[in-house]
Amino acid sequence: MKKLDPVVIIVDVLLLIGCGCMFLYGKMSAHSLFIVGLVLIALLVVYLYVTNYKDNHYGGKFHQDF
């Protein structure tokens, strides 16, 4: 994991908790909560995939052990 990854994960979880609180207090509909939750989780997964696995699979250094 990179140094910024825990910060991104914590911010994403806090945003999800904030959206849940808004839903509980009637400021957000269930449909909006579902959409925002999906978008936040998808962005987190894409960010973690790109930062942690891109160098190993797409154009990164090729390690050949012979």
Protein backbone atom coordinates (compact mmCIF):
# COMPACT_ATOMS: atom_id res chain seq x y z
CA MET A 1 0.00 0.00 0.00
CA LYS A 2 1.09 3.51 -0.69
CA LYS A 3 1.27 6.16 2.05
CA LEU A 4 -1.87 7.94 0.86
CA ASP A 5 -4.07 4.81 0.75
CA PRO A 6 -5.13 4.78 4.44
CA VAL A 7 -6.12 8.45 4.20
CA VAL A 8 -8.25 7.78 1.11
CA ILE A 9 -9.90 4.79 2.80
CA ILE A 10 -10.66 6.78 5.98
CA VAL A 11 -12.12 9.70 4.00
CA ASP A 12 -14.29 7.32 1.97
CA VAL A 13 -15.60 5.59 5.10
CA LEU A 14 -16.33 8.96 6.74
CA LEU A 15 -18.24 10.08 3.66
CA LEU A 16 -20.27 6.85 3.73
CA ILE A 17 -21.02 7.37 7.45
CA GLY A 18 -22.01 10.98 6.75
CA CYS A 19 -24.38 9.87 4.00
CA GLY A 20 -25.86 7.26 6.35
CA CYS A 21 -26.47 9.95 8.98
CA MET A 22 -28.11 12.19 6.38
CA PHE A 23 -30.37 9.28 5.42
CA LEU A 24 -31.31 8.61 9.06
CA TYR A 25 -32.21 12.26 9.67
CA GLY A 26 -34.35 12.50 6.54
CA LYS A 27 -32.08 14.70 4.44
CA MET A 28 -31.37 12.03 1.82
CA SER A 29 -33.58 9.50 0.11
CA ALA A 30 -32.78 5.79 0.05
CA HIS A 31 -32.24 5.92 -3.70
CA SER A 32 -29.70 8.74 -3.37
CA LEU A 33 -27.95 6.92 -0.53
CA PHE A 34 -27.64 3.80 -2.66
CA ILE A 35 -26.25 5.71 -5.66
CA VAL A 36 -23.77 7.75 -3.60
CA GLY A 37 -22.64 4.62 -1.76
CA LEU A 38 -22.04 2.74 -5.00
CA VAL A 39 -20.13 5.65 -6.51
CA LEU A 40 -17.92 6.10 -3.42
CA ILE A 41 -17.11 2.39 -3.21
CA ALA A 42 -16.43 2.19 -6.96
CA LEU A 43 -14.10 5.19 -6.82
CA LEU A 44 -12.24 3.69 -3.88
CA VAL A 45 -11.79 0.35 -5.65
CA VAL A 46 -10.62 2.01 -8.86
CA TYR A 47 -8.18 4.25 -6.95
CA LEU A 48 -6.70 1.34 -5.01
CA TYR A 49 -6.44 -0.79 -8.16
CA VAL A 50 -4.71 1.93 -10.17
CA THR A 51 -2.25 2.95 -7.46
CA ASN A 52 -1.31 -0.53 -6.25
CA TYR A 53 -1.52 -2.84 -9.26
CA LYS A 54 -0.95 -0.69 -12.34
CA ASP A 55 2.85 -0.74 -11.96
CA ASN A 56 2.88 -4.52 -11.64
CA HIS A 57 0.70 -5.38 -14.63
CA TYR A 58 0.40 -2.56 -17.15
CA GLY A 59 3.64 -1.21 -18.51
CA GLY A 60 5.56 -1.65 -15.30
CA LYS A 61 8.90 -3.31 -14.82
CA PHE A 62 8.95 -6.85 -16.08
CA HIS A 63 10.67 -9.17 -13.65
CA GLN A 64 12.00 -12.25 -15.30
CA ASP A 65 13.61 -14.88 -13.09
CA PHE A 66 15.74 -17.30 -15.12
